[in-house]
N, C-alpha and C. Protein backbone atom coordinates (compact mmCIF):
# COMPACT_ATOMS: atom_id res chain seq x y z
N GLU A 1 93.64 119.88 81.59
CA GLU A 1 92.73 120.32 80.30
C GLU A 1 91.05 119.98 80.26
N THR A 2 90.95 118.44 80.41
CA THR A 2 89.73 118.10 80.45
C THR A 2 88.62 117.69 81.40
N PHE A 3 89.75 118.02 82.78
CA PHE A 3 89.02 117.84 83.79
C PHE A 3 88.35 119.49 84.35
N LEU A 4 88.84 120.40 83.67
CA LEU A 4 88.31 121.91 83.54
C LEU A 4 87.48 121.85 82.60
N GLU A 5 88.04 121.43 81.23
CA GLU A 5 86.27 121.73 80.51
C GLU A 5 85.38 121.15 80.50
N HIS A 6 85.36 119.68 81.11
CA HIS A 6 83.86 119.30 81.95
C HIS A 6 83.53 119.70 82.94
N TRP A 7 84.22 120.28 84.33
CA TRP A 7 83.77 120.63 85.28
C TRP A 7 83.23 121.80 84.93
N THR A 8 83.68 122.60 83.97
CA THR A 8 83.00 123.78 83.50
C THR A 8 81.55 124.17 83.10
N THR A 9 81.09 122.86 82.00
CA THR A 9 80.04 122.24 81.58
C THR A 9 78.73 122.33 82.65
N MET A 10 79.99 121.28 83.43
CA MET A 10 79.10 120.49 84.32
C MET A 10 78.25 121.76 85.33
N LEU A 11 79.67 122.46 85.85
CA LEU A 11 78.72 123.85 86.72
C LEU A 11 77.59 124.98 86.20
N CYS A 12 78.02 125.06 84.75
CA CYS A 12 77.26 125.86 84.01
C CYS A 12 75.51 125.33 83.85
N VAL A 13 75.80 124.15 83.40
CA VAL A 13 73.94 123.37 82.99
C VAL A 13 73.53 122.73 84.22
N THR A 14 74.08 122.55 85.37
CA THR A 14 73.44 121.56 86.66
C THR A 14 73.50 122.27 87.57
N ASP A 15 72.78 121.59 88.44
CA ASP A 15 73.52 122.12 90.33
C ASP A 15 74.07 121.46 90.69
N ALA A 16 74.84 121.74 90.26
CA ALA A 16 76.84 121.21 90.90
C ALA A 16 77.87 122.01 91.68
N VAL A 17 78.71 121.73 92.01
CA VAL A 17 79.49 122.45 93.27
C VAL A 17 80.83 121.94 93.07
N ILE A 18 81.64 123.02 93.29
CA ILE A 18 83.12 122.05 93.53
C ILE A 18 83.58 123.08 95.20
N LEU A 19 83.72 122.21 95.93
CA LEU A 19 84.17 123.23 97.47
C LEU A 19 85.42 122.60 97.29
N GLY A 20 86.25 123.69 98.03
CA GLY A 20 87.77 123.71 98.32
C GLY A 20 87.93 123.14 99.65
N LEU A 21 89.44 123.14 99.88
CA LEU A 21 89.53 123.08 101.31
C LEU A 21 90.72 123.90 101.87
N TRP A 22 90.86 124.64 102.03
CA TRP A 22 92.35 125.67 102.48
C TRP A 22 92.56 125.64 103.28
N CYS A 23 94.30 125.88 102.90
CA CYS A 23 95.12 125.74 104.53
C CYS A 23 96.14 127.06 103.82
N ASP A 24 95.43 128.15 105.01
CA ASP A 24 95.67 129.62 104.78
C ASP A 24 95.78 129.87 103.47
N ASP A 25 96.32 130.40 102.36
CA ASP A 25 95.71 131.05 101.00
C ASP A 25 96.00 129.72 100.11
N ARG A 26 96.41 128.28 100.53
CA ARG A 26 96.98 127.46 99.31
C ARG A 26 95.67 126.56 99.71
N LEU A 27 95.27 126.06 97.67
CA LEU A 27 94.00 125.36 97.84
C LEU A 27 94.88 123.71 97.93
N VAL A 28 93.99 123.11 99.41
CA VAL A 28 94.99 121.63 99.38
C VAL A 28 94.23 120.85 99.19
N GLY A 29 92.83 120.81 98.82
CA GLY A 29 91.88 119.60 98.87
C GLY A 29 90.61 120.47 98.23
N GLY A 30 89.37 119.03 97.56
CA GLY A 30 88.12 119.66 96.72
C GLY A 30 87.97 118.63 97.10
N PHE A 31 86.34 118.87 96.60
CA PHE A 31 85.02 117.78 97.13
C PHE A 31 84.06 118.32 95.44
N GLY A 32 83.99 117.50 94.48
CA GLY A 32 82.94 117.91 93.57
C GLY A 32 81.91 116.98 93.58
N ALA A 33 80.53 117.66 93.72
CA ALA A 33 79.47 117.04 93.74
C ALA A 33 78.50 117.81 92.68
N ALA A 34 77.33 117.23 92.43
CA ALA A 34 75.99 117.57 91.59
C ALA A 34 74.87 116.67 92.40
N MET A 35 73.69 117.39 91.24
CA MET A 35 72.25 117.09 92.24
C MET A 35 71.96 116.30 91.16
N THR A 36 71.21 115.07 91.69
CA THR A 36 70.66 113.94 90.61
C THR A 36 69.76 113.49 91.17
N GLN A 37 68.95 112.64 90.40
CA GLN A 37 67.31 112.22 90.72
C GLN A 37 67.71 110.42 90.90
N ASP A 38 67.37 110.24 92.06
CA ASP A 38 66.88 108.86 92.32
C ASP A 38 66.55 108.25 91.70
N ILE A 39 66.54 106.76 90.58
CA ILE A 39 65.43 106.65 89.61
C ILE A 39 64.18 105.93 89.80
N ASN A 40 64.32 105.24 91.63
CA ASN A 40 63.25 104.84 91.90
C ASN A 40 62.18 105.53 92.42
N SER A 41 63.09 106.37 93.34
CA SER A 41 62.03 107.14 94.29
C SER A 41 61.54 108.75 93.68
N GLY A 42 62.40 108.79 92.76
CA GLY A 42 62.52 110.68 91.46
C GLY A 42 62.98 111.62 93.16
N MET A 43 63.41 111.09 93.67
CA MET A 43 64.26 112.08 94.94
C MET A 43 64.96 112.99 94.69
N ARG A 44 65.49 114.15 94.88
CA ARG A 44 66.55 114.81 94.51
C ARG A 44 67.96 113.74 95.85
N VAL A 45 68.93 114.01 95.06
CA VAL A 45 70.24 113.24 96.14
C VAL A 45 71.31 113.71 95.12
N GLY A 46 72.50 114.33 96.45
CA GLY A 46 73.73 114.46 96.06
C GLY A 46 74.66 113.62 95.85
N SER A 47 74.97 113.76 94.83
CA SER A 47 75.89 113.02 94.53
C SER A 47 77.40 113.48 94.27
N GLU A 48 78.67 112.80 95.10
CA GLU A 48 80.05 113.27 95.22
C GLU A 48 80.39 112.57 93.35
N TYR A 49 81.07 113.03 93.31
CA TYR A 49 82.17 112.69 91.95
C TYR A 49 83.45 112.68 92.13
N PHE A 50 84.51 113.63 93.08
CA PHE A 50 85.48 112.95 93.11
C PHE A 50 86.03 113.74 94.71
N LEU A 51 86.68 113.61 95.63
CA LEU A 51 87.18 113.93 96.84
C LEU A 51 88.36 114.09 97.04
N TYR A 52 89.33 114.94 96.85
CA TYR A 52 90.88 114.52 97.43
C TYR A 52 91.40 115.77 98.21
N VAL A 53 92.43 115.37 98.68
CA VAL A 53 93.01 116.15 99.52
C VAL A 53 94.27 115.47 99.50
N ASP A 54 95.34 116.61 98.95
CA ASP A 54 96.42 116.35 98.98
C ASP A 54 97.68 115.44 100.16
N PRO A 55 97.89 114.74 99.91
CA PRO A 55 98.70 113.77 100.62
C PRO A 55 99.55 114.60 101.54
N ALA A 56 100.19 115.64 101.98
CA ALA A 56 100.32 115.97 102.93
C ALA A 56 99.71 116.94 104.37
N HIS A 57 98.49 116.65 103.40
CA HIS A 57 97.49 117.81 104.59
C HIS A 57 96.09 116.17 105.21
N ARG A 58 96.72 115.39 104.67
CA ARG A 58 96.05 113.79 104.84
C ARG A 58 96.03 113.27 106.73
N HIS A 59 96.53 114.42 107.47
CA HIS A 59 96.44 113.69 108.28
C HIS A 59 95.88 114.57 109.40
N GLY A 60 94.89 115.43 108.89
CA GLY A 60 93.75 116.28 109.55
C GLY A 60 92.69 115.48 109.52
N SER A 61 91.59 116.63 109.82
CA SER A 61 90.56 116.65 109.10
C SER A 61 89.70 117.13 108.20
N GLY A 62 90.58 116.96 107.34
CA GLY A 62 89.91 117.83 105.80
C GLY A 62 89.37 116.66 105.04
N ALA A 63 89.73 115.53 104.95
CA ALA A 63 88.43 114.62 104.23
C ALA A 63 86.93 115.24 105.43
N LEU A 64 87.16 114.98 106.52
CA LEU A 64 85.68 115.45 107.11
C LEU A 64 85.05 116.46 107.29
N ARG A 65 86.09 117.61 107.09
CA ARG A 65 85.66 118.93 106.88
C ARG A 65 84.66 118.54 104.91
N LEU A 66 85.77 118.63 103.98
CA LEU A 66 84.55 118.33 102.96
C LEU A 66 83.85 117.71 102.86
N ILE A 67 83.83 116.42 103.52
CA ILE A 67 82.20 115.71 103.71
C ILE A 67 80.98 116.40 104.01
N ARG A 68 81.51 116.86 105.02
CA ARG A 68 80.06 118.13 106.11
C ARG A 68 80.07 118.86 105.35
N ALA A 69 80.72 119.75 104.47
CA ALA A 69 80.42 120.70 103.92
C ALA A 69 79.55 120.30 102.71
N PHE A 70 80.04 118.71 101.92
CA PHE A 70 79.04 118.55 100.78
C PHE A 70 77.52 118.37 101.52
N GLN A 71 77.80 117.34 102.75
CA GLN A 71 76.44 117.13 102.60
C GLN A 71 75.53 118.85 103.62
N ALA A 72 76.19 119.84 104.36
CA ALA A 72 75.26 121.15 103.81
C ALA A 72 75.24 121.33 102.84
N TRP A 73 76.03 121.22 102.01
CA TRP A 73 75.59 121.90 100.32
C TRP A 73 74.35 121.32 99.85
N THR A 74 74.30 119.81 99.97
CA THR A 74 73.09 119.01 99.52
C THR A 74 72.08 118.97 100.02
N ARG A 75 71.59 119.95 102.03
CA ARG A 75 70.84 119.94 102.45
C ARG A 75 69.80 121.69 101.44
N THR A 76 70.91 122.05 101.47
CA THR A 76 70.36 123.44 101.13
C THR A 76 69.96 123.09 99.46
N GLN A 77 70.07 122.15 98.67
CA GLN A 77 69.43 121.70 97.56
C GLN A 77 67.94 120.89 97.65
N ASP A 78 67.57 120.93 98.89
CA ASP A 78 65.67 120.12 98.64
C ASP A 78 66.71 118.92 98.19
N ALA A 79 67.68 117.82 99.27
CA ALA A 79 68.11 116.70 98.53
C ALA A 79 67.35 115.64 100.10
N HIS A 80 66.81 114.50 99.95
CA HIS A 80 66.60 114.16 100.78
C HIS A 80 68.05 112.85 101.32
N ARG A 81 68.72 112.74 100.01
CA ARG A 81 70.09 112.27 101.05
C ARG A 81 70.86 112.45 99.75
N CYS A 82 72.16 112.03 100.46
CA CYS A 82 73.76 112.04 99.81
C CYS A 82 74.47 110.79 99.45
N ARG A 83 75.27 111.03 98.27
CA ARG A 83 76.15 109.28 97.93
C ARG A 83 77.26 109.60 97.91
N MET A 84 78.30 108.86 98.34
CA MET A 84 79.49 109.31 98.41
C MET A 84 79.85 107.42 97.54
N VAL A 85 81.21 107.82 96.97
CA VAL A 85 81.45 106.09 96.14
C VAL A 85 83.29 105.94 96.02
N ILE A 86 83.21 105.17 96.46
CA ILE A 86 84.82 104.49 97.18
C ILE A 86 85.32 103.21 95.97
N SER A 87 86.37 103.47 95.39
CA SER A 87 86.68 102.91 94.13
C SER A 87 87.04 101.97 94.58
N GLU A 88 86.72 100.80 93.69
CA GLU A 88 87.45 99.29 94.72
C GLU A 88 89.34 99.61 94.06
N ASP A 89 90.26 100.36 93.62
CA ASP A 89 90.75 100.35 93.26
C ASP A 89 92.29 101.21 94.68
N ASP A 90 91.21 102.11 95.52
CA ASP A 90 91.36 102.99 96.18
C ASP A 90 92.44 102.02 97.25
N PRO A 91 93.67 102.00 97.62
CA PRO A 91 93.93 101.92 98.59
C PRO A 91 93.60 102.15 100.01
N ARG A 92 92.70 102.90 100.37
CA ARG A 92 92.77 103.47 101.22
C ARG A 92 90.72 103.18 100.90
N ALA A 93 90.24 102.05 100.24
CA ALA A 93 89.00 102.24 100.39
C ALA A 93 88.37 101.42 102.08
N ALA A 94 89.07 100.49 102.51
CA ALA A 94 88.33 100.07 103.43
C ALA A 94 88.11 101.28 105.01
N GLN A 95 88.88 102.35 104.73
CA GLN A 95 89.54 103.29 105.84
C GLN A 95 88.04 104.53 105.61
N PHE A 96 88.01 104.71 103.59
CA PHE A 96 86.51 105.45 103.71
C PHE A 96 85.80 104.93 103.59
N ALA A 97 85.29 103.29 103.92
CA ALA A 97 84.52 102.34 104.19
C ALA A 97 83.69 102.68 105.80
N SER A 98 85.11 102.55 106.67
CA SER A 98 84.55 102.85 107.85
C SER A 98 84.53 103.96 108.57
N LEU A 99 85.22 105.05 107.69
CA LEU A 99 84.67 106.29 108.25
C LEU A 99 83.20 106.72 107.38
N TYR A 100 82.58 106.33 106.08
CA TYR A 100 81.41 106.66 106.11
C TYR A 100 80.09 106.27 106.54
N ALA A 101 80.47 104.99 107.54
CA ALA A 101 80.25 104.06 108.28
C ALA A 101 79.74 104.99 109.70
N ARG A 102 80.53 105.13 109.92
CA ARG A 102 80.44 106.02 112.03
C ARG A 102 80.00 107.52 111.61
N LEU A 103 79.77 108.05 109.99
CA LEU A 103 79.29 109.07 109.98
C LEU A 103 77.69 108.67 109.64
N GLY A 104 77.13 107.66 109.57
CA GLY A 104 75.87 107.44 109.85
C GLY A 104 75.69 106.64 108.28
N GLY A 105 76.42 106.18 107.03
CA GLY A 105 76.14 106.44 105.70
C GLY A 105 75.70 104.64 105.81
N ARG A 106 75.35 104.13 104.80
CA ARG A 106 75.15 102.43 104.73
C ARG A 106 75.43 102.18 103.17
N ARG A 107 76.27 101.39 103.31
CA ARG A 107 76.32 100.78 101.93
C ARG A 107 74.80 100.53 101.17
N CYS A 108 74.67 100.54 100.06
CA CYS A 108 73.38 100.61 99.62
C CYS A 108 73.81 100.09 98.26
N GLU A 109 74.76 99.92 97.16
CA GLU A 109 74.90 99.10 95.53
C GLU A 109 76.22 99.13 95.68
N THR A 110 76.28 98.23 94.22
CA THR A 110 77.76 98.02 93.86
C THR A 110 77.82 98.38 92.73
N VAL A 111 78.92 98.77 91.96
CA VAL A 111 78.45 99.01 90.66
C VAL A 111 79.35 98.19 89.75
N TRP A 112 78.85 97.86 88.86
CA TRP A 112 80.02 97.05 87.93
C TRP A 112 80.46 98.03 86.57
N GLU A 113 81.86 97.94 86.41
CA GLU A 113 81.96 98.61 85.05
C GLU A 113 82.55 97.80 83.88
N PHE A 114 82.62 97.94 83.19
CA PHE A 114 82.60 97.60 81.60
C PHE A 114 83.38 98.12 80.69
N PRO A 115 84.21 97.90 80.02
CA PRO A 115 85.82 98.14 79.25
C PRO A 115 84.56 97.79 78.07
N LEU A 116 84.98 99.33 77.28
CA LEU A 116 84.17 99.04 75.88
C LEU A 116 85.05 99.09 74.46
């Protein structure tokens, strides 16, 4: 419920999108993103918030198709770049880093999170 509430608000008040990955008539994955502004350059940037593919469908090209759809959407938003995030806790972090590098991405920063 919280996810739905927050994304409904985000989709209504920002340049945001949720892209779906479908297998026949079944939703098997999704990608959430929004446009942000780079604090240093002022340029528009597409920022990924989540990427999910159902475990039963991870053997194919679903994640790649979602990433490509995100990049295409970002281009329609007059963005100059897009950003993807890899959680340090994700056991597939190295796989994602390798995929992003093969797609032409580069590691640009590390985020530190503090409990409050």
